[in-house]
C-alpha atoms as a PDB file:
ATOM      1  CA  MET A   1      -0.490  45.661  23.818  1.00  0.00           C
ATOM      2  CA  ILE A   2       0.129  41.939  23.351  1.00  0.00           C
ATOM      3  CA  HIS A   3      -1.874  39.845  20.919  1.00  0.00           C
ATOM      4  CA  PHE A   4      -2.098  36.049  21.073  1.00  0.00           C
ATOM      5  CA  ARG A   5      -2.401  33.877  17.973  1.00  0.00           C
ATOM      6  CA  PRO A   6      -1.838  30.273  16.826  1.00  0.00           C
ATOM      7  CA  PHE A   7       1.384  28.989  15.275  1.00  0.00           C
ATOM      8  CA  ARG A   8       2.302  29.892  11.702  1.00  0.00           C
ATOM      9  CA  ASN A   9       4.712  28.014   9.450  1.00  0.00           C
ATOM     10  CA  SER A  10       6.974  31.077   9.354  1.00  0.00           C
ATOM     11  CA  ASP A  11       7.364  31.159  13.170  1.00  0.00           C
ATOM     12  CA  PRO A  12      10.243  28.720  13.931  1.00  0.00           C
ATOM     13  CA  PRO A  13      13.147  31.201  13.500  1.00  0.00           C
ATOM     14  CA  ALA A  14      11.526  33.646  15.950  1.00  0.00           C
ATOM     15  CA  LEU A  15      10.608  30.842  18.375  1.00  0.00           C
ATOM     16  CA  VAL A  16      14.165  29.490  18.345  1.00  0.00           C
ATOM     17  CA  LYS A  17      15.424  32.979  19.154  1.00  0.00           C
ATOM     18  CA  LEU A  18      13.037  33.114  22.128  1.00  0.00           C
ATOM     19  CA  TRP A  19      14.127  29.633  23.231  1.00  0.00           C
ATOM     20  CA  ASN A  20      17.791  30.613  23.182  1.00  0.00           C
ATOM     21  CA  GLN A  21      17.023  33.773  25.154  1.00  0.00           C
ATOM     22  CA  ALA A  22      14.627  32.381  27.765  1.00  0.00           C
ATOM     23  CA  VAL A  23      15.196  28.636  28.187  1.00  0.00           C
ATOM     24  CA  PRO A  24      18.178  27.945  30.489  1.00  0.00           C
ATOM     25  CA  GLU A  25      21.257  26.214  29.181  1.00  0.00           C
ATOM     26  CA  HIS A  26      21.280  23.558  31.880  1.00  0.00           C
ATOM     27  CA  SER A  27      19.229  20.424  31.077  1.00  0.00           C
ATOM     28  CA  CYS A  28      18.254  21.864  27.689  1.00  0.00           C
ATOM     29  CA  VAL A  29      19.667  22.043  24.180  1.00  0.00           C
ATOM     30  CA  ARG A  30      21.254  25.452  23.697  1.00  0.00           C
ATOM     31  CA  PRO A  31      21.859  26.986  21.334  1.00  0.00           C
ATOM     32  CA  LEU A  32      18.965  25.289  19.593  1.00  0.00           C
ATOM     33  CA  LEU A  33      18.806  25.378  15.787  1.00  0.00           C
ATOM     34  CA  VAL A  34      15.701  26.119  13.747  1.00  0.00           C
ATOM     35  CA  HIS A  35      15.490  22.756  12.003  1.00  0.00           C
ATOM     36  CA  GLU A  36      15.877  20.938  15.334  1.00  0.00           C
ATOM     37  CA  LEU A  37      12.904  22.670  16.916  1.00  0.00           C
ATOM     38  CA  ASP A  38      10.914  22.277  13.721  1.00  0.00           C
ATOM     39  CA  ASP A  39      11.665  18.557  13.384  1.00  0.00           C
ATOM     40  CA  HIS A  40      11.453  17.452  17.009  1.00  0.00           C
ATOM     41  CA  ALA A  41       8.707  19.667  18.421  1.00  0.00           C
ATOM     42  CA  PHE A  42       6.554  20.747  15.500  1.00  0.00           C
ATOM     43  CA  GLY A  43       7.007  17.860  13.066  1.00  0.00           C
ATOM     44  CA  SER A  44       5.104  15.128  14.908  1.00  0.00           C
ATOM     45  CA  VAL A  45       1.912  13.651  13.513  1.00  0.00           C
ATOM     46  CA  PHE A  46      -0.125  14.963  16.458  1.00  0.00           C
ATOM     47  CA  PHE A  47       1.138  18.564  16.364  1.00  0.00           C
ATOM     48  CA  ASP A  48      -1.798  20.985  16.522  1.00  0.00           C
ATOM     49  CA  ARG A  49      -1.053  24.562  15.488  1.00  0.00           C
ATOM     50  CA  ASP A  50      -3.731  25.826  17.868  1.00  0.00           C
ATOM     51  CA  GLY A  51      -1.841  24.300  20.795  1.00  0.00           C
ATOM     52  CA  LEU A  52       1.233  26.437  20.123  1.00  0.00           C
ATOM     53  CA  ILE A  53       0.267  30.000  20.969  1.00  0.00           C
ATOM     54  CA  VAL A  54       2.481  32.960  20.111  1.00  0.00           C
ATOM     55  CA  ALA A  55       2.438  36.285  21.953  1.00  0.00           C
ATOM     56  CA  GLU A  56       3.090  39.284  19.688  1.00  0.00           C
ATOM     57  CA  ARG A  57       3.774  42.921  20.458  1.00  0.00           C
ATOM     58  CA  ASP A  58       3.595  45.267  17.474  1.00  0.00           C
ATOM     59  CA  GLY A  59       3.698  42.235  15.176  1.00  0.00           C
ATOM     60  CA  ARG A  60       6.880  40.834  16.773  1.00  0.00           C
ATOM     61  CA  PRO A  61       6.859  37.513  18.692  1.00  0.00           C
ATOM     62  CA  VAL A  62       7.776  38.079  22.352  1.00  0.00           C
ATOM     63  CA  GLY A  63       6.804  34.676  23.764  1.00  0.00           C
ATOM     64  CA  PHE A  64       5.195  31.327  23.105  1.00  0.00           C
ATOM     65  CA  VAL A  65       3.518  28.496  24.966  1.00  0.00           C
ATOM     66  CA  HIS A  66       3.024  24.917  23.803  1.00  0.00           C
ATOM     67  CA  ALA A  67       0.368  22.577  25.188  1.00  0.00           C
ATOM     68  CA  GLY A  68      -0.759  19.076  24.302  1.00  0.00           C
ATOM     69  CA  PHE A  69      -1.768  15.594  25.397  1.00  0.00           C
ATOM     70  CA  GLY A  70      -0.266  12.194  26.061  1.00  0.00           C
ATOM     71  CA  PRO A  71      -1.006   8.800  24.504  1.00  0.00           C
ATOM     72  CA  ASP A  72      -3.504   6.139  25.466  1.00  0.00           C
ATOM     73  CA  GLN A  73      -2.188   3.776  28.120  1.00  0.00           C
ATOM     74  CA  PRO A  74      -0.503   1.407  27.842  1.00  0.00           C
ATOM     75  CA  VAL A  75       1.542   3.141  25.169  1.00  0.00           C
ATOM     76  CA  GLY A  76       1.628   1.148  21.973  1.00  0.00           C
ATOM     77  CA  GLU A  77      -1.784  -0.503  21.888  1.00  0.00           C
ATOM     78  CA  HIS A  78      -3.384   2.340  19.896  1.00  0.00           C
ATOM     79  CA  PRO A  79      -0.755   4.157  17.812  1.00  0.00           C
ATOM     80  CA  PHE A  80      -1.213   7.923  17.477  1.00  0.00           C
ATOM     81  CA  ALA A  81      -4.208   7.906  19.861  1.00  0.00           C
ATOM     82  CA  LEU A  82      -4.127  10.667  22.475  1.00  0.00           C
ATOM     83  CA  THR A  83      -6.001  10.924  25.768  1.00  0.00           C
ATOM     84  CA  PRO A  84      -7.703  14.346  25.901  1.00  0.00           C
ATOM     85  CA  GLU A  85      -8.777  14.148  29.548  1.00  0.00           C
ATOM     86  CA  MET A  86      -5.289  15.109  30.766  1.00  0.00           C
ATOM     87  CA  GLY A  87      -3.532  18.098  29.235  1.00  0.00           C
ATOM     88  CA  VAL A  88      -0.072  19.534  29.824  1.00  0.00           C
ATOM     89  CA  VAL A  89       1.539  22.922  29.371  1.00  0.00           C
ATOM     90  CA  ALA A  90       4.790  21.568  27.970  1.00  0.00           C
ATOM     91  CA  MET A  91       6.779  24.740  27.340  1.00  0.00           C
ATOM     92  CA  VAL A  92       6.655  28.492  27.847  1.00  0.00           C
ATOM     93  CA  ALA A  93       9.275  31.033  26.836  1.00  0.00           C
ATOM     94  CA  ALA A  94       8.993  34.812  27.069  1.00  0.00           C
ATOM     95  CA  GLU A  95      11.455  37.435  25.933  1.00  0.00           C
ATOM     96  CA  PRO A  96      13.547  38.559  28.927  1.00  0.00           C
ATOM     97  CA  GLY A  97      12.569  41.957  30.318  1.00  0.00           C
ATOM     98  CA  PRO A  98      10.292  43.623  32.852  1.00  0.00           C
ATOM     99  CA  ASP A  99       7.148  42.172  31.230  1.00  0.00           C
ATOM    100  CA  ALA A 100       8.439  38.607  30.876  1.00  0.00           C
ATOM    101  CA  GLN A 101       6.636  37.179  33.900  1.00  0.00           C
ATOM    102  CA  ALA A 102       3.286  38.724  32.957  1.00  0.00           C
ATOM    103  CA  THR A 103       3.704  37.482  29.391  1.00  0.00           C
ATOM    104  CA  ALA A 104       4.519  33.947  30.563  1.00  0.00           C
ATOM    105  CA  GLU A 105       1.504  33.844  32.880  1.00  0.00           C
ATOM    106  CA  SER A 106      -0.869  35.127  30.194  1.00  0.00           C
ATOM    107  CA  LEU A 107       0.463  32.570  27.735  1.00  0.00           C
ATOM    108  CA  ILE A 108      -0.192  29.756  30.208  1.00  0.00           C
ATOM    109  CA  VAL A 109      -3.782  30.975  30.628  1.00  0.00           C
ATOM    110  CA  GLU A 110      -4.170  30.856  26.844  1.00  0.00           C
ATOM    111  CA  ALA A 111      -2.809  27.306  26.881  1.00  0.00           C
ATOM    112  CA  GLU A 112      -5.352  26.367  29.561  1.00  0.00           C
ATOM    113  CA  ARG A 113      -8.169  27.586  27.340  1.00  0.00           C
ATOM    114  CA  TYR A 114      -6.850  25.535  24.443  1.00  0.00           C
ATOM    115  CA  LEU A 115      -6.571  22.379  26.551  1.00  0.00           C
ATOM    116  CA  ARG A 116      -9.995  22.812  28.063  1.00  0.00           C
ATOM    117  CA  SER A 117     -11.539  23.402  24.623  1.00  0.00           C
ATOM    118  CA  ARG A 118     -10.135  19.998  23.580  1.00  0.00           C
ATOM    119  CA  GLY A 119     -11.670  18.195  26.568  1.00  0.00           C
ATOM    120  CA  ALA A 120      -8.989  18.358  29.275  1.00  0.00           C
ATOM    121  CA  GLN A 121     -10.290  17.735  32.788  1.00  0.00           C
ATOM    122  CA  VAL A 122      -6.905  17.816  34.554  1.00  0.00           C
ATOM    123  CA  LEU A 123      -4.094  20.252  33.738  1.00  0.00           C
ATOM    124  CA  TYR A 124      -0.400  19.758  34.365  1.00  0.00           C
ATOM    125  CA  GLY A 125       2.610  22.024  33.997  1.00  0.00           C
ATOM    126  CA  GLY A 126       5.787  20.349  32.811  1.00  0.00           C
ATOM    127  CA  GLY A 127       5.667  17.019  31.004  1.00  0.00           C
ATOM    128  CA  GLN A 128       6.565  13.605  32.380  1.00  0.00           C
ATOM    129  CA  PHE A 129       6.236  10.288  30.555  1.00  0.00           C
ATOM    130  CA  PRO A 130       3.774   9.606  29.070  1.00  0.00           C
ATOM    131  CA  LEU A 131       2.465  13.168  29.327  1.00  0.00           C
ATOM    132  CA  ASN A 132       5.499  14.629  27.508  1.00  0.00           C
ATOM    133  CA  PRO A 133       4.276  15.257  23.973  1.00  0.00           C
ATOM    134  CA  PHE A 134       6.868  17.509  22.336  1.00  0.00           C
ATOM    135  CA  TYR A 135      10.282  18.159  23.898  1.00  0.00           C
ATOM    136  CA  TRP A 136      11.848  14.864  24.912  1.00  0.00           C
ATOM    137  CA  GLY A 137      15.284  15.030  23.315  1.00  0.00           C
ATOM    138  CA  LEU A 138      15.486  18.836  23.565  1.00  0.00           C
ATOM    139  CA  TYR A 139      14.479  19.765  27.107  1.00  0.00           C
ATOM    140  CA  GLY A 140      14.555  18.432  30.632  1.00  0.00           C
ATOM    141  CA  GLY A 141      17.475  16.020  30.421  1.00  0.00           C
ATOM    142  CA  SER A 142      17.450  12.287  29.849  1.00  0.00           C
ATOM    143  CA  GLU A 143      13.716  11.773  30.458  1.00  0.00           C
ATOM    144  CA  ALA A 144      12.195  15.260  29.997  1.00  0.00           C
ATOM    145  CA  SER A 145      10.586  15.033  33.414  1.00  0.00           C
ATOM    146  CA  GLY A 146       8.889  18.245  34.484  1.00  0.00           C
ATOM    147  CA  VAL A 147      10.220  21.811  34.623  1.00  0.00           C
ATOM    148  CA  PRO A 148      13.944  22.020  35.448  1.00  0.00           C
ATOM    149  CA  SER A 149      14.713  24.124  38.516  1.00  0.00           C
ATOM    150  CA  SER A 150      16.886  26.391  36.378  1.00  0.00           C
ATOM    151  CA  HIS A 151      13.869  27.314  34.221  1.00  0.00           C
ATOM    152  CA  THR A 152      12.541  29.759  36.804  1.00  0.00           C
ATOM    153  CA  GLN A 153      10.439  31.715  34.324  1.00  0.00           C
ATOM    154  CA  PHE A 154       8.288  28.639  33.666  1.00  0.00           C
ATOM    155  CA  SER A 155       8.017  27.398  37.263  1.00  0.00           C
ATOM    156  CA  SER A 156       7.375  30.891  38.676  1.00  0.00           C
ATOM    157  CA  ALA A 157       4.558  31.502  36.206  1.00  0.00           C
ATOM    158  CA  LEU A 158       2.936  28.170  37.051  1.00  0.00           C
ATOM    159  CA  SER A 159       3.187  28.832  40.781  1.00  0.00           C
ATOM    160  CA  ALA A 160       1.761  32.338  40.411  1.00  0.00           C
ATOM    161  CA  LEU A 161      -1.255  30.849  38.620  1.00  0.00           C
ATOM    162  CA  GLY A 162      -1.975  28.358  41.392  1.00  0.00           C
ATOM    163  CA  TYR A 163      -0.286  25.226  40.052  1.00  0.00           C
ATOM    164  CA  GLU A 164       1.030  22.979  42.794  1.00  0.00           C
ATOM    165  CA  PRO A 165       4.106  20.706  42.694  1.00  0.00           C
ATOM    166  CA  ILE A 166       3.150  17.036  42.719  1.00  0.00           C
ATOM    167  CA  SER A 167       6.333  15.245  41.697  1.00  0.00           C
ATOM    168  CA  THR A 168      10.061  15.979  41.883  1.00  0.00           C
ATOM    169  CA  THR A 169      12.734  14.284  39.796  1.00  0.00           C
ATOM    170  CA  VAL A 170      16.456  14.372  40.518  1.00  0.00           C
ATOM    171  CA  HIS A 171      18.907  14.751  37.624  1.00  0.00           C
ATOM    172  CA  LEU A 172      22.237  13.003  38.183  1.00  0.00           C
ATOM    173  CA  HIS A 173      25.424  13.236  36.127  1.00  0.00           C
ATOM    174  CA  TYR A 174      28.441  10.962  35.980  1.00  0.00           C
ATOM    175  CA  ASP A 175      31.833  12.084  34.609  1.00  0.00           C
ATOM    176  CA  LEU A 176      33.173   9.159  32.657  1.00  0.00           C
ATOM    177  CA  ASP A 177      36.799  10.217  33.086  1.00  0.00           C
ATOM    178  CA  GLN A 178      36.678   9.427  36.807  1.00  0.00           C
ATOM    179  CA  GLU A 179      38.004   6.156  38.164  1.00  0.00           C
ATOM    180  CA  GLU A 180      35.564   3.306  37.689  1.00  0.00           C
ATOM    181  CA  SER A 181      33.740   2.233  40.833  1.00  0.00           C
ATOM    182  CA  ARG A 182      34.686  -1.305  41.815  1.00  0.00           C
ATOM    183  CA  ASP A 183      32.022  -3.847  42.728  1.00  0.00           C
ATOM    184  CA  PRO A 184      33.344  -7.010  44.446  1.00  0.00           C
ATOM    185  CA  ARG A 185      30.263  -8.887  43.245  1.00  0.00           C
ATOM    186  CA  ALA A 186      30.858  -8.048  39.568  1.00  0.00           C
ATOM    187  CA  PRO A 187      32.929 -11.164  38.660  1.00  0.00           C
ATOM    188  CA  LEU A 188      30.234 -13.459  40.091  1.00  0.00           C
ATOM    189  CA  LEU A 189      27.394 -11.537  38.432  1.00  0.00           C
ATOM    190  CA  ARG A 190      29.229 -11.626  35.117  1.00  0.00           C
ATOM    191  CA  ARG A 191      29.342 -15.428  35.334  1.00  0.00           C
ATOM    192  CA  GLN A 192      25.626 -15.523  36.131  1.00  0.00           C
ATOM    193  CA  ALA A 193      24.366 -13.049  33.520  1.00  0.00           C
ATOM    194  CA  ALA A 194      25.265 -11.813  30.057  1.00  0.00           C
ATOM    195  CA  VAL A 195      24.908  -8.187  28.934  1.00  0.00           C
ATOM    196  CA  GLU A 196      23.567  -7.500  25.454  1.00  0.00           C
ATOM    197  CA  PHE A 197      23.709  -4.078  23.760  1.00  0.00           C
ATOM    198  CA  VAL A 198      21.270  -3.727  20.859  1.00  0.00           C
ATOM    199  CA  GLU A 199      22.262  -0.712  18.771  1.00  0.00           C
ATOM    200  CA  ASP A 200      19.619   1.229  16.834  1.00  0.00           C
ATOM    201  CA  PRO A 201      16.800  -1.106  17.890  1.00  0.00           C
ATOM    202  CA  VAL A 202      13.178  -0.864  16.985  1.00  0.00           C
ATOM    203  CA  PRO A 203      11.831   1.553  19.633  1.00  0.00           C
ATOM    204  CA  SER A 204       9.777   0.070  22.448  1.00  0.00           C
ATOM    205  CA  ASN A 205       6.687   2.048  21.443  1.00  0.00           C
ATOM    206  CA  TRP A 206       5.563   4.755  19.033  1.00  0.00           C
ATOM    207  CA  TRP A 207       5.935   7.495  21.666  1.00  0.00           C
ATOM    208  CA  GLU A 208       9.608   6.656  22.143  1.00  0.00           C
ATOM    209  CA  ASN A 209      10.008   6.388  18.383  1.00  0.00           C
ATOM    210  CA  ILE A 210       8.716   9.910  17.772  1.00  0.00           C
ATOM    211  CA  ALA A 211      10.821  11.422  20.554  1.00  0.00           C
ATOM    212  CA  LEU A 212      14.175   9.649  20.362  1.00  0.00           C
ATOM    213  CA  SER A 213      14.517   7.656  17.145  1.00  0.00           C
ATOM    214  CA  ASP A 214      17.012  10.203  15.729  1.00  0.00           C
ATOM    215  CA  PHE A 215      19.287  10.039  18.790  1.00  0.00           C
ATOM    216  CA  HIS A 216      20.963   6.641  18.389  1.00  0.00           C
ATOM    217  CA  LEU A 217      18.934   4.517  20.757  1.00  0.00           C
ATOM    218  CA  THR A 218      20.444   1.475  22.444  1.00  0.00           C
ATOM    219  CA  HIS A 219      18.520  -1.164  24.369  1.00  0.00           C
ATOM    220  CA  VAL A 220      20.541  -2.987  27.030  1.00  0.00           C
ATOM    221  CA  ARG A 221      19.522  -6.379  28.407  1.00  0.00           C
ATOM    222  CA  LEU A 222      20.900  -8.494  31.238  1.00  0.00           C
ATOM    223  CA  GLU A 223      20.037 -12.159  30.666  1.00  0.00           C
ATOM    224  CA  SER A 224      20.504 -15.174  32.891  1.00  0.00           C
ATOM    225  CA  ARG A 225      23.137 -17.494  31.433  1.00  0.00           C
ATOM    226  CA  THR A 226      21.453 -20.593  32.861  1.00  0.00           C
ATOM    227  CA  GLU A 227      17.743 -19.856  32.450  1.00  0.00           C
ATOM    228  CA  GLY A 228      17.796 -17.541  29.447  1.00  0.00           C
ATOM    229  CA  VAL A 229      15.355 -15.095  31.085  1.00  0.00           C
ATOM    230  CA  GLU A 230      15.725 -11.332  31.196  1.00  0.00           C
ATOM    231  CA  ILE A 231      16.957 -10.165  34.588  1.00  0.00           C
ATOM    232  CA  ALA A 232      17.200  -6.431  33.949  1.00  0.00           C
ATOM    233  CA  ARG A 233      16.942  -3.873  31.184  1.00  0.00           C
ATOM    234  CA  ALA A 234      17.713  -0.236  30.394  1.00  0.00           C
ATOM    235  CA  HIS A 235      17.860   2.136  27.440  1.00  0.00           C
ATOM    236  CA  THR A 236      20.354   4.789  26.358  1.00  0.00           C
ATOM    237  CA  TRP A 237      20.373   7.610  23.825  1.00  0.00           C
ATOM    238  CA  ASP A 238      22.896  10.111  22.516  1.00  0.00           C
ATOM    239  CA  MET A 239      22.446  13.404  24.410  1.00  0.00           C
ATOM    240  CA  THR A 240      25.392  15.179  22.779  1.00  0.00           C
ATOM    241  CA  TRP A 241      23.173  18.097  21.747  1.00  0.00           C
ATOM    242  CA  PHE A 242      22.857  18.900  25.457  1.00  0.00           C
ATOM    243  CA  GLY A 243      26.617  19.454  25.635  1.00  0.00           C
ATOM    244  CA  ARG A 244      26.836  22.450  23.331  1.00  0.00           C
ATOM    245  CA  GLY A 245      27.379  24.795  26.248  1.00  0.00           C
ATOM    246  CA  ASP A 246      30.251  22.898  27.887  1.00  0.00           C
ATOM    247  CA  GLY A 247      31.517  20.811  24.975  1.00  0.00           C
ATOM    248  CA  HIS A 248      31.006  17.437  26.686  1.00  0.00           C
ATOM    249  CA  THR A 249      29.489  14.505  24.827  1.00  0.00           C
ATOM    250  CA  ARG A 250      26.639  12.936  26.806  1.00  0.00           C
ATOM    251  CA  ILE A 251      24.698   9.709  26.956  1.00  0.00           C
ATOM    252  CA  GLY A 252      21.278   9.508  28.583  1.00  0.00           C
ATOM    253  CA  VAL A 253      20.188   6.429  30.536  1.00  0.00           C
ATOM    254  CA  TYR A 254      16.501   5.733  31.173  1.00  0.00           C
ATOM    255  CA  GLY A 255      14.082   2.912  31.837  1.00  0.00           C
ATOM    256  CA  VAL A 256      16.400   1.037  34.230  1.00  0.00           C
ATOM    257  CA  GLU A 257      14.358  -1.903  35.503  1.00  0.00           C
ATOM    258  CA  VAL A 258      15.177  -5.125  37.338  1.00  0.00           C
ATOM    259  CA  ALA A 259      12.752  -8.044  37.236  1.00  0.00           C
ATOM    260  CA  PRO A 260      10.973  -8.359  40.621  1.00  0.00           C
ATOM    261  CA  ALA A 261      12.355 -11.835  41.318  1.00  0.00           C
ATOM    262  CA  HIS A 262      15.941 -10.594  40.934  1.00  0.00           C
ATOM    263  CA  ARG A 263      15.865  -7.333  42.879  1.00  0.00           C
ATOM    264  CA  GLY A 264      18.216  -6.777  45.794  1.00  0.00           C
ATOM    265  CA  LYS A 265      20.925  -8.994  44.293  1.00  0.00           C
ATOM    266  CA  GLY A 266      23.140  -6.322  42.722  1.00  0.00           C
ATOM    267  CA  TYR A 267      21.962  -6.743  39.130  1.00  0.00           C
ATOM    268  CA  GLY A 268      20.803  -3.146  38.766  1.00  0.00           C
ATOM    269  CA  ARG A 269      24.156  -1.763  39.841  1.00  0.00           C
ATOM    270  CA  PHE A 270      25.951  -4.258  37.623  1.00  0.00           C
ATOM    271  CA  LEU A 271      23.834  -3.296  34.595  1.00  0.00           C
ATOM    272  CA  VAL A 272      24.394   0.439  35.030  1.00  0.00           C
ATOM    273  CA  ALA A 273      28.127  -0.127  35.563  1.00  0.00           C
ATOM    274  CA  GLU A 274      28.265  -2.069  32.286  1.00  0.00           C
ATOM    275  CA  ILE A 275      26.439   0.788  30.522  1.00  0.00           C
ATOM    276  CA  LEU A 276      29.033   3.242  31.858  1.00  0.00           C
ATOM    277  CA  ARG A 277      31.856   0.952  30.715  1.00  0.00           C
ATOM    278  CA  HIS A 278      30.326   0.750  27.239  1.00  0.00           C
ATOM    279  CA  ALA A 279      29.858   4.541  27.144  1.00  0.00           C
ATOM    280  CA  ARG A 280      33.563   5.052  27.919  1.00  0.00           C
ATOM    281  CA  GLU A 281      34.488   2.754  25.058  1.00  0.00           C
ATOM    282  CA  ASP A 282      32.254   4.834  22.772  1.00  0.00           C
ATOM    283  CA  SER A 283      34.103   8.010  23.872  1.00  0.00           C
ATOM    284  CA  PHE A 284      31.213   9.634  25.725  1.00  0.00           C
ATOM    285  CA  GLU A 285      32.346  12.002  28.455  1.00  0.00           C
ATOM    286  CA  ARG A 286      29.265  12.201  30.688  1.00  0.00           C
ATOM    287  CA  ALA A 287      26.249  10.060  31.519  1.00  0.00           C
ATOM    288  CA  GLU A 288      22.929  11.380  32.765  1.00  0.00           C
ATOM    289  CA  VAL A 289      20.102   9.608  34.559  1.00  0.00           C
ATOM    290  CA  GLN A 290      16.965  10.690  36.410  1.00  0.00           C
ATOM    291  CA  THR A 291      14.887   9.240  39.216  1.00  0.00           C
ATOM    292  CA  LEU A 292      12.070  10.399  41.432  1.00  0.00           C
ATOM    293  CA  ALA A 293      13.266  12.239  44.523  1.00  0.00           C
ATOM    294  CA  ASP A 294      11.434   9.807  46.814  1.00  0.00           C
ATOM    295  CA  ASN A 295      12.972   6.725  45.161  1.00  0.00           C
ATOM    296  CA  GLN A 296      15.700   6.279  47.751  1.00  0.00           C
ATOM    297  CA  PRO A 297      16.914   2.865  46.514  1.00  0.00           C
ATOM    298  CA  ALA A 298      17.557   4.291  43.036  1.00  0.00           C
ATOM    299  CA  LEU A 299      19.277   7.384  44.422  1.00  0.00           C
ATOM    300  CA  THR A 300      21.480   5.191  46.608  1.00  0.00           C
ATOM    301  CA  LEU A 301      22.323   2.968  43.641  1.00  0.00           C
ATOM    302  CA  TYR A 302      23.354   5.826  41.359  1.00  0.00           C
ATOM    303  CA  GLN A 303      25.316   7.679  44.000  1.00  0.00           C
ATOM    304  CA  SER A 304      27.160   4.496  44.966  1.00  0.00           C
ATOM    305  CA  LEU A 305      28.393   4.365  41.371  1.00  0.00           C
ATOM    306  CA  GLY A 306      29.615   7.967  41.478  1.00  0.00           C
ATOM    307  CA  PHE A 307      26.644   9.844  40.013  1.00  0.00           C
ATOM    308  CA  GLU A 308      26.136  13.308  41.490  1.00  0.00           C
ATOM    309  CA  PRO A 309      22.824  15.199  41.699  1.00  0.00           C
ATOM    310  CA  VAL A 310      23.026  18.385  39.632  1.00  0.00           C
ATOM    311  CA  GLU A 311      19.445  19.604  39.284  1.00  0.00           C
ATOM    312  CA  GLN A 312      15.821  18.833  40.034  1.00  0.00           C
ATOM    313  CA  SER A 313      12.710  19.148  37.924  1.00  0.00           C
ATOM    314  CA  THR A 314       9.100  19.447  39.025  1.00  0.00           C
ATOM    315  CA  VAL A 315       5.750  18.427  37.602  1.00  0.00           C
ATOM    316  CA  PHE A 316       2.926  20.792  38.559  1.00  0.00           C
ATOM    317  CA  ARG A 317      -0.846  20.284  38.561  1.00  0.00           C
ATOM    318  CA  LEU A 318      -3.639  22.834  38.616  1.00  0.00           C
ATOM    319  CA  PRO A 319      -6.098  21.983  41.408  1.00  0.00           C
ATOM    320  CA  ALA A 320      -9.696  21.357  40.346  1.00  0.00           C
ATOM    321  CA  PRO A 321     -12.019  22.989  39.605  1.00  0.00           C
ATOM    322  CA  PHE A 322     -10.651  25.110  36.803  1.00  0.00           C
ATOM    323  CA  PRO A 323     -10.418  28.797  37.682  1.00  0.00           C
ATOM    324  CA  ASP A 324     -12.754  31.111  35.782  1.00  0.00           C
ATOM    325  CA  ARG A 325      -9.748  32.401  33.856  1.00  0.00           C
ATOM    326  CA  SER A 326      -9.626  29.164  31.852  1.00  0.00           C
ATOM    327  CA  ARG A 327     -13.126  29.514  30.416  1.00  0.00           C
ATOM    328  CA  PRO A 328     -13.056  29.945  26.621  1.00  0.00           C
ATOM    329  CA  HIS A 329     -13.907  33.449  25.473  1.00  0.00           C
ATOM    330  CA  GLU A 330     -12.907  36.002  22.890  1.00  0.00           C
ATOM    331  CA  PRO A 331      -9.167  36.174  22.123  1.00  0.00           C
ATOM    332  CA  HIS A 332      -7.283  37.561  25.120  1.00  0.00           C
ATOM    333  CA  ARG A 333      -5.237  40.744  25.054  1.00  0.00           C
ATOM    334  CA  LEU A 334      -2.610  41.818  27.553  1.00  0.00           C
ATOM    335  CA  ASP A 335      -2.298  45.593  27.945  1.00  0.00           C
END
C-alpha cells in the first residue's frame, strides 16, 4: 500500500535518488546533487511543503510530485505575489518498476487536490514562464518550458489523466566547435549597431532572480550607434550543470527580442551570432535555445545559424470542469 504525505526536511536525499532514477538525462541536470535540489527547488521564499507530496511504501519514498503557482503579471510589479487561479504540476518522479505509472498518476491527482484547495481554477502540467515556479535551471533546458519528450513517465501520466497538449516548444542545440556561419550583412550591421554584454547584471525581475541568479547571467543588448536606442536584446546563463552526462559545457540563450521597428532587417540573426562568438571566446562548447514550434521565423533564424532541433517539450492543460477525482477528501491511499 502507498501512503501520501507532505514534504519533510529530511526528504531531499531520497528525492534526489528518485530524480536520478526517473528523470531523463536529456534536458535535465543529472546526476543531480542533494544541495542543488534543496537550494533551487525547495529553498525559494514561496515553497510550500504541502505542495510537494511524497509517495511512500512501507515507509520508503517511491515517488514525489511538486505543484505550485506563478507570479502576478506583469512579473516584477508585486514581488513574491503569486496568482492562485492557475496552478501547475511542475514535476513528478516515480521509482522505476511495474507500479511506476500508477504511482505517477496517483501523485498527480494528489497535486490536483492541493492546487484546488489553494484556489486553482485552471490546472496545467509542465511549467512554462511565468508558470514555472521551481525547476528553471535544473529541468527542461534553457527556458524550462513544459515536459520534455524524453520524460515519458510524466507526459504519459498526464495524458492518462485527461490532460491535453496546448503548447509545444522546440529545443535547439548548437555545437560551438563547428565553422561559424557567415552573414554578408554582418559588416554593415556592425557599423550600424553596437553589442553590449553585461555580465552578472541585476536580474530583469524577481522570478528570474530566484531561478537563475546563481548561474552567471548575462544580458546582451544591441544598440543603434546613431540614435542610441535599443534595437534588440537577449539573455544567457551558464547551463554547464546540464552537461554532466556528456561532459560538454553549455550556455543557454533566452528572451531573444527585436524591437518591432527593426524586425526583418537581420538584427536578430546578428545578435545571436554575436552571442555565439562570445560563447566561443568563453570556452563554452554548446549553446541551447528554445522557441515555440509554431514560431516559424524563429526556427528559420536559428537553423540558418546552424542550430539543430534535438527535443521537444509540451505544456498540458486539464480541461474544465475538474474531474471528481480532484475534490478534496481524506488522504488518498493506493493499494
